[in-house]
């Protein structure tokens, strides 16, 4: 049984890895269809395999070239626009962010909880934090907004417990940090009580979209729903999160923020050095190209025997 993801499918994949996963599924479907003598399904799955590997090859090259062709800047010396920054990850809030499962101090986390169903696993909940954090180099600090970024982390842990499988990734304060994205200057806003209510409502709405995760965090009596006291606890935590983010923004004043480029260019956050990351994407490109050529050879050989 394939894991069925929640409302944010494949959140743990970078795009080249997602294309490799899709190609593997397509190859499996094509093989089963050939054994069952279903040529139409096999042909469709073969086409999906070729498109996935071709897309993975092109996407990996584009990411590699974006890294290679963008010069490294400093936080205080960078011009606004598309930039590459290298420094260390730092938390801008007190108390710092903690991962949802193991409660590790971090600046960013991603988790996935799976439950065993028969012979397979089904995703119960998954989440990736979207709190801003800091990149610090020798010249100063820069705020990093992780929303919409492809994040490649080195720290991860996987374990099983009570019929569940847990996956957690995180970036810790002090980790080496590489960011490729759009640098913009943002002035601190004069937030009003209405703004606070709106931001708290947005946080709660985001939590509600992950109902299993919401229940896991706030359903203290385990009855499958939230009573008034549990909702009050959720609202207080959402308000605390918003106020923490506001405190960071106000303390910094007008700040430089790296975020997802509005023109659609790549937005990458990684703990690897630029050349290390470029080599990883080069390897992905060669792997996808090799799979494409192998798949194309198999398809042509099958057509020749027809």
C-alpha atoms as a PDB file:
ATOM      1  CA  UNK A   1       0.000   0.000   0.000  1.00  0.00           C
ATOM      2  CA  UNK A   2       1.350   3.411  -0.922  1.00  0.00           C
ATOM      3  CA  UNK A   3       1.296   6.046   1.832  1.00  0.00           C
ATOM      4  CA  UNK A   4      -1.553   8.484   1.272  1.00  0.00           C
ATOM      5  CA  UNK A   5      -0.334  11.985   2.120  1.00  0.00           C
ATOM      6  CA  UNK A   6      -2.396  14.619   3.871  1.00  0.00           C
ATOM      7  CA  UNK A   7      -3.414  18.064   2.608  1.00  0.00           C
ATOM      8  CA  UNK A   8       0.167  18.947   1.580  1.00  0.00           C
ATOM      9  CA  UNK A   9       1.273  16.008  -0.563  1.00  0.00           C
ATOM     10  CA  UNK A  10       4.965  15.238  -0.982  1.00  0.00           C
ATOM     11  CA  UNK A  11       5.992  18.077   1.340  1.00  0.00           C
ATOM     12  CA  UNK A  12       9.211  16.254   2.202  1.00  0.00           C
ATOM     13  CA  UNK A  13      10.433  16.047  -1.396  1.00  0.00           C
ATOM     14  CA  UNK A  14      12.517  18.478  -3.379  1.00  0.00           C
ATOM     15  CA  UNK A  15      11.308  18.586  -6.957  1.00  0.00           C
ATOM     16  CA  UNK A  16      13.991  16.244  -8.456  1.00  0.00           C
ATOM     17  CA  UNK A  17      13.248  13.671  -5.747  1.00  0.00           C
ATOM     18  CA  UNK A  18       9.529  14.000  -6.420  1.00  0.00           C
ATOM     19  CA  UNK A  19      10.102  13.325 -10.117  1.00  0.00           C
ATOM     20  CA  UNK A  20      12.179  10.260  -9.227  1.00  0.00           C
ATOM     21  CA  UNK A  21       9.368   9.002  -6.973  1.00  0.00           C
ATOM     22  CA  UNK A  22       6.807   9.564  -9.738  1.00  0.00           C
ATOM     23  CA  UNK A  23       9.038   7.764 -12.253  1.00  0.00           C
ATOM     24  CA  UNK A  24       9.410   4.793  -9.895  1.00  0.00           C
ATOM     25  CA  UNK A  25       5.631   4.531  -9.458  1.00  0.00           C
ATOM     26  CA  UNK A  26       5.103   4.798 -13.223  1.00  0.00           C
ATOM     27  CA  UNK A  27       7.686   2.068 -13.877  1.00  0.00           C
ATOM     28  CA  UNK A  28       5.988  -0.209 -11.341  1.00  0.00           C
ATOM     29  CA  UNK A  29       2.557   0.386 -12.912  1.00  0.00           C
ATOM     30  CA  UNK A  30       3.953  -0.223 -16.409  1.00  0.00           C
ATOM     31  CA  UNK A  31       5.548  -3.508 -15.330  1.00  0.00           C
ATOM     32  CA  UNK A  32       2.331  -4.756 -13.732  1.00  0.00           C
ATOM     33  CA  UNK A  33       0.322  -3.704 -16.784  1.00  0.00           C
ATOM     34  CA  UNK A  34       2.665  -5.607 -19.115  1.00  0.00           C
ATOM     35  CA  UNK A  35       2.327  -8.749 -16.992  1.00  0.00           C
ATOM     36  CA  UNK A  36      -1.462  -8.361 -17.112  1.00  0.00           C
ATOM     37  CA  UNK A  37      -1.357  -7.706 -20.878  1.00  0.00           C
ATOM     38  CA  UNK A  38      -2.795  -4.192 -20.612  1.00  0.00           C
ATOM     39  CA  UNK A  39      -0.958  -2.338 -23.387  1.00  0.00           C
ATOM     40  CA  UNK A  40      -2.854   0.952 -23.026  1.00  0.00           C
ATOM     41  CA  UNK A  41      -2.090   1.253 -19.307  1.00  0.00           C
ATOM     42  CA  UNK A  42       1.516   0.199 -19.913  1.00  0.00           C
ATOM     43  CA  UNK A  43       1.929   2.815 -22.664  1.00  0.00           C
ATOM     44  CA  UNK A  44       0.424   5.547 -20.490  1.00  0.00           C
ATOM     45  CA  UNK A  45       2.631   4.636 -17.543  1.00  0.00           C
ATOM     46  CA  UNK A  46       5.669   4.538 -19.846  1.00  0.00           C
ATOM     47  CA  UNK A  47       4.871   8.045 -21.098  1.00  0.00           C
ATOM     48  CA  UNK A  48       4.534   9.290 -17.516  1.00  0.00           C
ATOM     49  CA  UNK A  49       7.906   7.687 -16.696  1.00  0.00           C
ATOM     50  CA  UNK A  50       9.616   9.459 -19.606  1.00  0.00           C
ATOM     51  CA  UNK A  51       8.017  12.810 -18.779  1.00  0.00           C
ATOM     52  CA  UNK A  52       8.939  12.506 -15.079  1.00  0.00           C
ATOM     53  CA  UNK A  53      12.567  11.659 -15.755  1.00  0.00           C
ATOM     54  CA  UNK A  54      12.860  14.349 -18.439  1.00  0.00           C
ATOM     55  CA  UNK A  55      11.331  16.928 -16.085  1.00  0.00           C
ATOM     56  CA  UNK A  56      13.627  15.785 -13.265  1.00  0.00           C
ATOM     57  CA  UNK A  57      16.671  16.142 -15.526  1.00  0.00           C
ATOM     58  CA  UNK A  58      15.694  19.649 -16.695  1.00  0.00           C
ATOM     59  CA  UNK A  59      14.745  20.794 -13.178  1.00  0.00           C
ATOM     60  CA  UNK A  60      17.971  19.498 -11.650  1.00  0.00           C
ATOM     61  CA  UNK A  61      20.058  21.299 -14.279  1.00  0.00           C
ATOM     62  CA  UNK A  62      18.093  24.514 -13.714  1.00  0.00           C
ATOM     63  CA  UNK A  63      18.737  24.365  -9.967  1.00  0.00           C
ATOM     64  CA  UNK A  64      22.420  23.570 -10.466  1.00  0.00           C
ATOM     65  CA  UNK A  65      22.837  26.462 -12.899  1.00  0.00           C
ATOM     66  CA  UNK A  66      20.963  28.896 -10.629  1.00  0.00           C
ATOM     67  CA  UNK A  67      23.445  28.096  -7.848  1.00  0.00           C
ATOM     68  CA  UNK A  68      26.506  28.282 -10.093  1.00  0.00           C
ATOM     69  CA  UNK A  69      25.463  31.491 -11.846  1.00  0.00           C
ATOM     70  CA  UNK A  70      24.578  33.533  -8.743  1.00  0.00           C
ATOM     71  CA  UNK A  71      27.471  35.149  -6.888  1.00  0.00           C
ATOM     72  CA  UNK A  72      27.561  34.965  -3.089  1.00  0.00           C
ATOM     73  CA  UNK A  73      26.700  38.273  -1.380  1.00  0.00           C
ATOM     74  CA  UNK A  74      26.867  39.513   2.211  1.00  0.00           C
ATOM     75  CA  UNK A  75      23.738  40.444   4.134  1.00  0.00           C
ATOM     76  CA  UNK A  76      24.687  44.117   4.378  1.00  0.00           C
ATOM     77  CA  UNK A  77      26.288  44.385   0.943  1.00  0.00           C
ATOM     78  CA  UNK A  78      23.680  42.599  -1.173  1.00  0.00           C
ATOM     79  CA  UNK A  79      21.633  44.544  -3.685  1.00  0.00           C
ATOM     80  CA  UNK A  80      17.894  43.969  -3.632  1.00  0.00           C
ATOM     81  CA  UNK A  81      16.840  41.235  -6.040  1.00  0.00           C
ATOM     82  CA  UNK A  82      17.903  37.654  -6.652  1.00  0.00           C
ATOM     83  CA  UNK A  83      20.759  36.817  -4.276  1.00  0.00           C
ATOM     84  CA  UNK A  84      22.823  34.014  -2.787  1.00  0.00           C
ATOM     85  CA  UNK A  85      23.673  34.289   0.924  1.00  0.00           C
ATOM     86  CA  UNK A  86      25.788  32.051   3.150  1.00  0.00           C
ATOM     87  CA  UNK A  87      25.958  32.275   6.937  1.00  0.00           C
ATOM     88  CA  UNK A  88      24.611  30.550  10.026  1.00  0.00           C
ATOM     89  CA  UNK A  89      21.016  29.910  11.067  1.00  0.00           C
ATOM     90  CA  UNK A  90      19.836  31.813  14.125  1.00  0.00           C
ATOM     91  CA  UNK A  91      16.488  32.051  15.864  1.00  0.00           C
ATOM     92  CA  UNK A  92      15.015  35.524  16.100  1.00  0.00           C
ATOM     93  CA  UNK A  93      12.379  34.756  18.726  1.00  0.00           C
ATOM     94  CA  UNK A  94      12.446  34.033  22.451  1.00  0.00           C
ATOM     95  CA  UNK A  95      11.644  31.342  23.357  1.00  0.00           C
ATOM     96  CA  UNK A  96      12.969  29.684  20.224  1.00  0.00           C
ATOM     97  CA  UNK A  97      10.982  27.454  17.914  1.00  0.00           C
ATOM     98  CA  UNK A  98      10.773  23.759  18.841  1.00  0.00           C
ATOM     99  CA  UNK A  99       9.994  20.825  16.580  1.00  0.00           C
ATOM    100  CA  UNK A 100       6.539  19.332  16.992  1.00  0.00           C
ATOM    101  CA  UNK A 101       7.493  15.720  17.818  1.00  0.00           C
ATOM    102  CA  UNK A 102      10.813  15.644  19.694  1.00  0.00           C
ATOM    103  CA  UNK A 103      10.604  19.294  20.858  1.00  0.00           C
ATOM    104  CA  UNK A 104      14.116  20.061  19.623  1.00  0.00           C
ATOM    105  CA  UNK A 105      15.248  23.682  19.597  1.00  0.00           C
ATOM    106  CA  UNK A 106      15.395  24.668  15.917  1.00  0.00           C
ATOM    107  CA  UNK A 107      14.788  27.438  13.405  1.00  0.00           C
ATOM    108  CA  UNK A 108      12.836  25.187  11.022  1.00  0.00           C
ATOM    109  CA  UNK A 109      11.323  21.694  11.152  1.00  0.00           C
ATOM    110  CA  UNK A 110       9.375  19.260   9.033  1.00  0.00           C
ATOM    111  CA  UNK A 111       7.673  16.128  10.319  1.00  0.00           C
ATOM    112  CA  UNK A 112       5.526  13.260   9.096  1.00  0.00           C
ATOM    113  CA  UNK A 113       3.638  10.704  11.182  1.00  0.00           C
ATOM    114  CA  UNK A 114       2.504   7.474   9.532  1.00  0.00           C
ATOM    115  CA  UNK A 115       0.209   4.773  10.903  1.00  0.00           C
ATOM    116  CA  UNK A 116       0.468   1.119   9.939  1.00  0.00           C
ATOM    117  CA  UNK A 117      -2.569  -0.123   8.003  1.00  0.00           C
ATOM    118  CA  UNK A 118      -2.279  -3.748   7.012  1.00  0.00           C
ATOM    119  CA  UNK A 119       1.014  -4.230   5.192  1.00  0.00           C
ATOM    120  CA  UNK A 120       1.508  -0.543   4.444  1.00  0.00           C
ATOM    121  CA  UNK A 121       1.647   2.884   6.002  1.00  0.00           C
ATOM    122  CA  UNK A 122      -0.809   5.784   5.785  1.00  0.00           C
ATOM    123  CA  UNK A 123       0.192   9.379   6.564  1.00  0.00           C
ATOM    124  CA  UNK A 124      -1.745  10.684   9.562  1.00  0.00           C
ATOM    125  CA  UNK A 125      -0.258  14.172   9.639  1.00  0.00           C
ATOM    126  CA  UNK A 126       2.625  16.208   8.322  1.00  0.00           C
ATOM    127  CA  UNK A 127       3.734  19.774   8.722  1.00  0.00           C
ATOM    128  CA  UNK A 128       6.562  22.094   7.787  1.00  0.00           C
ATOM    129  CA  UNK A 129       7.154  25.174   9.945  1.00  0.00           C
ATOM    130  CA  UNK A 130       6.789  28.573   8.325  1.00  0.00           C
ATOM    131  CA  UNK A 131       8.203  30.784  11.096  1.00  0.00           C
ATOM    132  CA  UNK A 132      10.812  33.263   9.885  1.00  0.00           C
ATOM    133  CA  UNK A 133      14.365  32.949  11.178  1.00  0.00           C
ATOM    134  CA  UNK A 134      17.706  34.700  10.700  1.00  0.00           C
ATOM    135  CA  UNK A 135      20.730  34.148   8.509  1.00  0.00           C
ATOM    136  CA  UNK A 136      23.796  35.705  10.134  1.00  0.00           C
ATOM    137  CA  UNK A 137      27.153  36.371   8.505  1.00  0.00           C
ATOM    138  CA  UNK A 138      30.121  38.556   9.396  1.00  0.00           C
ATOM    139  CA  UNK A 139      28.320  41.721   8.231  1.00  0.00           C
ATOM    140  CA  UNK A 140      24.951  41.318   9.958  1.00  0.00           C
ATOM    141  CA  UNK A 141      21.594  39.535   9.921  1.00  0.00           C
ATOM    142  CA  UNK A 142      18.925  38.902   7.327  1.00  0.00           C
ATOM    143  CA  UNK A 143      15.418  37.504   7.882  1.00  0.00           C
ATOM    144  CA  UNK A 144      14.600  34.293   5.974  1.00  0.00           C
ATOM    145  CA  UNK A 145      10.959  33.488   5.177  1.00  0.00           C
ATOM    146  CA  UNK A 146      10.861  29.709   4.489  1.00  0.00           C
ATOM    147  CA  UNK A 147       7.388  29.678   2.919  1.00  0.00           C
ATOM    148  CA  UNK A 148       7.541  28.209  -0.583  1.00  0.00           C
ATOM    149  CA  UNK A 149      11.213  27.187  -0.358  1.00  0.00           C
ATOM    150  CA  UNK A 150      12.798  23.874  -1.310  1.00  0.00           C
ATOM    151  CA  UNK A 151      14.640  22.992   1.896  1.00  0.00           C
ATOM    152  CA  UNK A 152      17.489  20.481   2.040  1.00  0.00           C
ATOM    153  CA  UNK A 153      18.382  19.606   5.632  1.00  0.00           C
ATOM    154  CA  UNK A 154      21.130  17.366   6.956  1.00  0.00           C
ATOM    155  CA  UNK A 155      19.565  16.688  10.375  1.00  0.00           C
ATOM    156  CA  UNK A 156      16.878  14.014  10.445  1.00  0.00           C
ATOM    157  CA  UNK A 157      15.607  11.165  12.575  1.00  0.00           C
ATOM    158  CA  UNK A 158      13.248   8.269  11.859  1.00  0.00           C
ATOM    159  CA  UNK A 159      11.825   5.849  14.404  1.00  0.00           C
ATOM    160  CA  UNK A 160       8.860   3.566  15.117  1.00  0.00           C
ATOM    161  CA  UNK A 161       6.712   3.522  18.200  1.00  0.00           C
ATOM    162  CA  UNK A 162       3.303   2.024  19.061  1.00  0.00           C
ATOM    163  CA  UNK A 163       2.355   1.146  15.491  1.00  0.00           C
ATOM    164  CA  UNK A 164       3.427   4.527  14.136  1.00  0.00           C
ATOM    165  CA  UNK A 165       6.400   5.637  12.094  1.00  0.00           C
ATOM    166  CA  UNK A 166       7.862   9.091  12.764  1.00  0.00           C
ATOM    167  CA  UNK A 167      10.022  11.186  10.431  1.00  0.00           C
ATOM    168  CA  UNK A 168      11.509  14.485  11.538  1.00  0.00           C
ATOM    169  CA  UNK A 169      13.914  16.923   9.874  1.00  0.00           C
ATOM    170  CA  UNK A 170      15.157  20.182  11.289  1.00  0.00           C
ATOM    171  CA  UNK A 171      17.675  23.001  11.024  1.00  0.00           C
ATOM    172  CA  UNK A 172      19.251  23.907  14.360  1.00  0.00           C
ATOM    173  CA  UNK A 173      20.510  27.322  15.503  1.00  0.00           C
ATOM    174  CA  UNK A 174      24.163  27.644  14.527  1.00  0.00           C
ATOM    175  CA  UNK A 175      23.895  25.341  11.486  1.00  0.00           C
ATOM    176  CA  UNK A 176      25.627  26.486   8.322  1.00  0.00           C
ATOM    177  CA  UNK A 177      22.967  28.019   6.076  1.00  0.00           C
ATOM    178  CA  UNK A 178      22.737  28.646   2.349  1.00  0.00           C
ATOM    179  CA  UNK A 179      19.859  30.646   0.846  1.00  0.00           C
ATOM    180  CA  UNK A 180      19.094  31.416  -2.795  1.00  0.00           C
ATOM    181  CA  UNK A 181      16.085  33.689  -3.221  1.00  0.00           C
ATOM    182  CA  UNK A 182      14.753  37.222  -3.614  1.00  0.00           C
ATOM    183  CA  UNK A 183      16.049  39.873  -1.229  1.00  0.00           C
ATOM    184  CA  UNK A 184      13.546  42.594  -0.362  1.00  0.00           C
ATOM    185  CA  UNK A 185      13.423  45.413   2.178  1.00  0.00           C
ATOM    186  CA  UNK A 186      10.428  45.409   4.501  1.00  0.00           C
ATOM    187  CA  UNK A 187       9.552  48.112   7.030  1.00  0.00           C
ATOM    188  CA  UNK A 188       8.018  47.126  10.343  1.00  0.00           C
ATOM    189  CA  UNK A 189       4.262  47.725  10.337  1.00  0.00           C
ATOM    190  CA  UNK A 190       2.257  49.483  13.044  1.00  0.00           C
ATOM    191  CA  UNK A 191       0.162  46.477  13.976  1.00  0.00           C
ATOM    192  CA  UNK A 192      -3.301  47.009  15.428  1.00  0.00           C
ATOM    193  CA  UNK A 193      -5.544  44.766  17.548  1.00  0.00           C
ATOM    194  CA  UNK A 194      -7.487  44.012  14.370  1.00  0.00           C
ATOM    195  CA  UNK A 195      -4.248  42.871  12.714  1.00  0.00           C
ATOM    196  CA  UNK A 196      -3.566  40.624  15.702  1.00  0.00           C
ATOM    197  CA  UNK A 197      -7.005  39.008  15.461  1.00  0.00           C
ATOM    198  CA  UNK A 198      -6.579  38.518  11.718  1.00  0.00           C
ATOM    199  CA  UNK A 199      -3.138  36.921  12.061  1.00  0.00           C
ATOM    200  CA  UNK A 200      -4.319  34.644  14.875  1.00  0.00           C
ATOM    201  CA  UNK A 201      -7.289  33.575  12.728  1.00  0.00           C
ATOM    202  CA  UNK A 202      -4.945  32.796   9.846  1.00  0.00           C
ATOM    203  CA  UNK A 203      -2.757  30.621  12.100  1.00  0.00           C
ATOM    204  CA  UNK A 204      -5.797  28.758  13.432  1.00  0.00           C
ATOM    205  CA  UNK A 205      -7.134  28.256   9.907  1.00  0.00           C
ATOM    206  CA  UNK A 206      -3.798  26.745   8.886  1.00  0.00           C
ATOM    207  CA  UNK A 207      -3.865  24.403  11.877  1.00  0.00           C
ATOM    208  CA  UNK A 208      -7.452  23.350  11.120  1.00  0.00           C
ATOM    209  CA  UNK A 209      -6.416  22.154   7.670  1.00  0.00           C
ATOM    210  CA  UNK A 210      -4.281  19.544   9.447  1.00  0.00           C
ATOM    211  CA  UNK A 211      -7.019  18.183  11.719  1.00  0.00           C
ATOM    212  CA  UNK A 212      -5.064  15.098  12.904  1.00  0.00           C
ATOM    213  CA  UNK A 213      -2.160  17.318  13.895  1.00  0.00           C
ATOM    214  CA  UNK A 214      -4.524  19.790  15.602  1.00  0.00           C
ATOM    215  CA  UNK A 215      -6.117  17.013  17.656  1.00  0.00           C
ATOM    216  CA  UNK A 216      -2.748  15.525  18.519  1.00  0.00           C
ATOM    217  CA  UNK A 217      -1.566  18.853  19.909  1.00  0.00           C
ATOM    218  CA  UNK A 218      -4.685  20.090  21.741  1.00  0.00           C
ATOM    219  CA  UNK A 219      -7.119  17.203  22.296  1.00  0.00           C
ATOM    220  CA  UNK A 220      -6.054  16.545  25.887  1.00  0.00           C
ATOM    221  CA  UNK A 221      -8.866  14.122  26.758  1.00  0.00           C
ATOM    222  CA  UNK A 222      -8.485  12.143  23.502  1.00  0.00           C
ATOM    223  CA  UNK A 223     -12.193  12.193  22.586  1.00  0.00           C
ATOM    224  CA  UNK A 224     -11.589  13.196  18.946  1.00  0.00           C
ATOM    225  CA  UNK A 225     -12.874  16.778  19.247  1.00  0.00           C
ATOM    226  CA  UNK A 226     -11.879  20.037  20.905  1.00  0.00           C
ATOM    227  CA  UNK A 227     -14.000  21.439  23.730  1.00  0.00           C
ATOM    228  CA  UNK A 228     -14.059  25.117  24.728  1.00  0.00           C
ATOM    229  CA  UNK A 229     -11.068  24.821  27.055  1.00  0.00           C
ATOM    230  CA  UNK A 230      -8.993  23.046  24.394  1.00  0.00           C
ATOM    231  CA  UNK A 231      -9.944  25.668  21.778  1.00  0.00           C
ATOM    232  CA  UNK A 232      -8.903  28.377  24.226  1.00  0.00           C
ATOM    233  CA  UNK A 233      -5.540  26.643  24.568  1.00  0.00           C
ATOM    234  CA  UNK A 234      -5.167  26.547  20.772  1.00  0.00           C
ATOM    235  CA  UNK A 235      -6.062  30.245  20.477  1.00  0.00           C
ATOM    236  CA  UNK A 236      -3.575  31.182  23.207  1.00  0.00           C
ATOM    237  CA  UNK A 237      -0.791  29.267  21.482  1.00  0.00           C
ATOM    238  CA  UNK A 238      -1.662  30.839  18.115  1.00  0.00           C
ATOM    239  CA  UNK A 239      -1.638  34.303  19.716  1.00  0.00           C
ATOM    240  CA  UNK A 240       1.724  33.559  21.350  1.00  0.00           C
ATOM    241  CA  UNK A 241       3.155  32.504  17.984  1.00  0.00           C
ATOM    242  CA  UNK A 242       1.902  35.680  16.271  1.00  0.00           C
ATOM    243  CA  UNK A 243       3.167  37.945  19.054  1.00  0.00           C
ATOM    244  CA  UNK A 244       6.559  36.218  18.937  1.00  0.00           C
ATOM    245  CA  UNK A 245       6.806  36.906  15.211  1.00  0.00           C
ATOM    246  CA  UNK A 246       5.737  40.525  15.744  1.00  0.00           C
ATOM    247  CA  UNK A 247       8.362  40.988  18.454  1.00  0.00           C
ATOM    248  CA  UNK A 248      11.062  39.842  16.081  1.00  0.00           C
ATOM    249  CA  UNK A 249       9.833  42.164  13.338  1.00  0.00           C
ATOM    250  CA  UNK A 250       9.522  45.195  15.576  1.00  0.00           C
ATOM    251  CA  UNK A 251      12.897  44.687  17.244  1.00  0.00           C
ATOM    252  CA  UNK A 252      14.635  44.592  13.885  1.00  0.00           C
ATOM    253  CA  UNK A 253      12.865  47.622  12.412  1.00  0.00           C
ATOM    254  CA  UNK A 254      13.210  47.967   8.619  1.00  0.00           C
ATOM    255  CA  UNK A 255      14.848  44.714   7.621  1.00  0.00           C
ATOM    256  CA  UNK A 256      16.024  42.772   4.618  1.00  0.00           C
ATOM    257  CA  UNK A 257      13.982  39.631   4.001  1.00  0.00           C
ATOM    258  CA  UNK A 258      14.770  36.731   1.685  1.00  0.00           C
ATOM    259  CA  UNK A 259      11.626  35.130   0.315  1.00  0.00           C
ATOM    260  CA  UNK A 260      10.273  33.173  -2.631  1.00  0.00           C
ATOM    261  CA  UNK A 261      11.003  35.097  -5.859  1.00  0.00           C
ATOM    262  CA  UNK A 262       7.923  36.639  -7.394  1.00  0.00           C
ATOM    263  CA  UNK A 263       9.185  35.925 -10.920  1.00  0.00           C
ATOM    264  CA  UNK A 264       9.158  32.151 -10.387  1.00  0.00           C
ATOM    265  CA  UNK A 265      12.901  31.604 -10.021  1.00  0.00           C
ATOM    266  CA  UNK A 266      14.266  28.940  -7.670  1.00  0.00           C
ATOM    267  CA  UNK A 267      14.015  29.411  -3.924  1.00  0.00           C
ATOM    268  CA  UNK A 268      16.459  27.134  -2.115  1.00  0.00           C
ATOM    269  CA  UNK A 269      17.410  26.831   1.561  1.00  0.00           C
ATOM    270  CA  UNK A 270      20.075  24.323   2.531  1.00  0.00           C
ATOM    271  CA  UNK A 271      22.660  23.462   5.158  1.00  0.00           C
ATOM    272  CA  UNK A 272      25.119  22.495   2.404  1.00  0.00           C
ATOM    273  CA  UNK A 273      27.702  24.799   0.874  1.00  0.00           C
ATOM    274  CA  UNK A 274      26.807  26.126  -2.603  1.00  0.00           C
ATOM    275  CA  UNK A 275      29.168  23.839  -4.499  1.00  0.00           C
ATOM    276  CA  UNK A 276      28.040  20.819  -2.481  1.00  0.00           C
ATOM    277  CA  UNK A 277      24.430  21.587  -3.323  1.00  0.00           C
ATOM    278  CA  UNK A 278      25.281  22.153  -6.988  1.00  0.00           C
ATOM    279  CA  UNK A 279      26.981  18.739  -7.098  1.00  0.00           C
ATOM    280  CA  UNK A 280      23.910  17.102  -5.558  1.00  0.00           C
ATOM    281  CA  UNK A 281      21.702  18.537  -8.287  1.00  0.00           C
ATOM    282  CA  UNK A 282      24.255  17.485 -10.927  1.00  0.00           C
ATOM    283  CA  UNK A 283      23.988  13.921  -9.633  1.00  0.00           C
ATOM    284  CA  UNK A 284      20.210  14.139  -9.767  1.00  0.00           C
ATOM    285  CA  UNK A 285      20.443  15.361 -13.374  1.00  0.00           C
ATOM    286  CA  UNK A 286      22.675  12.439 -14.409  1.00  0.00           C
ATOM    287  CA  UNK A 287      20.433   9.963 -12.575  1.00  0.00           C
ATOM    288  CA  UNK A 288      17.306  11.259 -14.306  1.00  0.00           C
ATOM    289  CA  UNK A 289      19.030  11.283 -17.694  1.00  0.00           C
ATOM    290  CA  UNK A 290      20.193   7.697 -17.180  1.00  0.00           C
ATOM    291  CA  UNK A 291      16.685   6.595 -16.200  1.00  0.00           C
ATOM    292  CA  UNK A 292      15.214   8.393 -19.209  1.00  0.00           C
ATOM    293  CA  UNK A 293      17.624   6.706 -21.631  1.00  0.00           C
ATOM    294  CA  UNK A 294      17.070   3.295 -20.031  1.00  0.00           C
ATOM    295  CA  UNK A 295      13.305   3.705 -20.122  1.00  0.00           C
ATOM    296  CA  UNK A 296      13.375   4.890 -23.713  1.00  0.00           C
ATOM    297  CA  UNK A 297      15.508   1.874 -24.702  1.00  0.00           C
ATOM    298  CA  UNK A 298      13.071  -0.534 -23.036  1.00  0.00           C
ATOM    299  CA  UNK A 299      10.099   1.100 -24.741  1.00  0.00           C
ATOM    300  CA  UNK A 300      11.747   1.018 -28.172  1.00  0.00           C
ATOM    301  CA  UNK A 301      12.737  -2.616 -27.686  1.00  0.00           C
ATOM    302  CA  UNK A 302       9.157  -3.491 -26.711  1.00  0.00           C
ATOM    303  CA  UNK A 303       7.793  -1.693 -29.760  1.00  0.00           C
ATOM    304  CA  UNK A 304      10.239  -3.527 -32.013  1.00  0.00           C
ATOM    305  CA  UNK A 305       8.951  -6.895 -30.775  1.00  0.00           C
ATOM    306  CA  UNK A 306       5.314  -5.968 -31.453  1.00  0.00           C
END
